[in-house]
Amino acid sequence: MRRLETENNASRTHEHAAAQARAEILRLAESQRATLATSFADLLGDGGPPEETADDMIRATREWRDTSSYMK
């Protein structure tokens, strides 16, 4: 009986954390709605810093990938 109660509490805690995460993602998406691209030119952007090299972009992508908060 004690084990079942512990599992139920853990499940509730996980569900609560997941609900909070969903709410935060929705809040962020709503706040950024005005900055979404509306054309192909917007998607391209300004190209970033003119002095940025391909190596710089690859390095930044690898750092982002290694520190990203997405679920693994």
Protein backbone atom coordinates (compact mmCIF):
# COMPACT_ATOMS: atom_id res chain seq x y z
CA MET A 1 0.00 0.00 0.00
CA ARG A 2 2.83 2.40 0.88
CA ARG A 3 4.56 1.76 -2.46
CA LEU A 4 1.39 2.51 -4.43
CA GLU A 5 0.94 5.76 -2.52
CA THR A 6 4.54 6.79 -3.26
CA GLU A 7 4.10 6.00 -6.96
CA ASN A 8 0.87 8.03 -7.07
CA ASN A 9 2.61 11.01 -5.45
CA ALA A 10 5.51 10.76 -7.91
CA SER A 11 3.05 10.59 -10.81
CA ARG A 12 1.18 13.67 -9.55
CA THR A 13 4.46 15.56 -9.12
CA HIS A 14 5.53 14.65 -12.67
CA GLU A 15 2.14 15.66 -14.10
CA HIS A 16 2.29 18.97 -12.25
CA ALA A 17 5.80 19.70 -13.52
CA ALA A 18 4.77 18.78 -17.08
CA ALA A 19 1.73 21.07 -16.85
CA GLN A 20 3.92 23.93 -15.62
CA ALA A 21 6.39 23.35 -18.47
CA ARG A 22 3.56 23.37 -21.04
CA ALA A 23 2.17 26.59 -19.57
CA GLU A 24 5.60 28.24 -19.69
CA ILE A 25 6.17 27.16 -23.31
CA LEU A 26 2.75 28.51 -24.27
CA ARG A 27 3.47 31.79 -22.45
CA LEU A 28 6.78 32.17 -24.29
CA ALA A 29 5.18 31.34 -27.63
CA GLU A 30 2.45 33.91 -27.05
CA SER A 31 4.97 36.61 -26.12
CA GLN A 32 7.04 35.97 -29.25
CA ARG A 33 4.14 35.77 -31.67
CA ALA A 34 4.80 39.25 -33.11
CA THR A 35 8.40 38.36 -33.99
CA LEU A 36 7.64 35.34 -36.15
CA ALA A 37 8.74 35.43 -39.78
CA THR A 38 6.03 36.32 -42.26
CA SER A 39 8.05 36.00 -45.46
CA PHE A 40 10.98 34.05 -46.87
CA ALA A 41 13.17 37.16 -46.57
CA ASP A 42 12.30 37.31 -42.86
CA LEU A 43 13.42 33.70 -42.50
CA LEU A 44 16.78 34.53 -44.04
CA GLY A 45 17.31 37.44 -41.70
CA ASP A 46 20.34 39.66 -42.03
CA GLY A 47 22.80 36.79 -42.19
CA GLY A 48 24.38 37.51 -38.84
CA PRO A 49 27.69 39.24 -38.24
CA PRO A 50 29.61 39.72 -41.51
CA GLU A 51 32.83 38.50 -39.90
CA GLU A 52 31.28 35.21 -38.73
CA THR A 53 32.86 32.18 -40.43
CA ALA A 54 31.40 28.74 -41.08
CA ASP A 55 33.63 27.45 -38.28
CA ASP A 56 32.10 30.01 -35.91
CA MET A 57 28.60 28.89 -36.86
CA ILE A 58 29.47 25.21 -36.44
CA ARG A 59 31.08 25.91 -33.06
CA ALA A 60 28.02 27.86 -31.89
CA THR A 61 25.69 25.10 -33.07
CA ARG A 62 27.69 22.46 -31.21
CA GLU A 63 27.70 24.56 -28.05
CA TRP A 64 23.93 25.07 -28.35
CA ARG A 65 23.40 21.35 -28.91
CA ASP A 66 25.51 20.44 -25.87
CA THR A 67 23.79 22.94 -23.57
CA SER A 68 20.28 22.86 -24.98
CA SER A 69 17.46 22.15 -22.54
CA TYR A 70 15.52 19.88 -24.87
CA MET A 71 14.61 16.47 -23.44
CA LYS A 72 17.19 13.82 -24.18
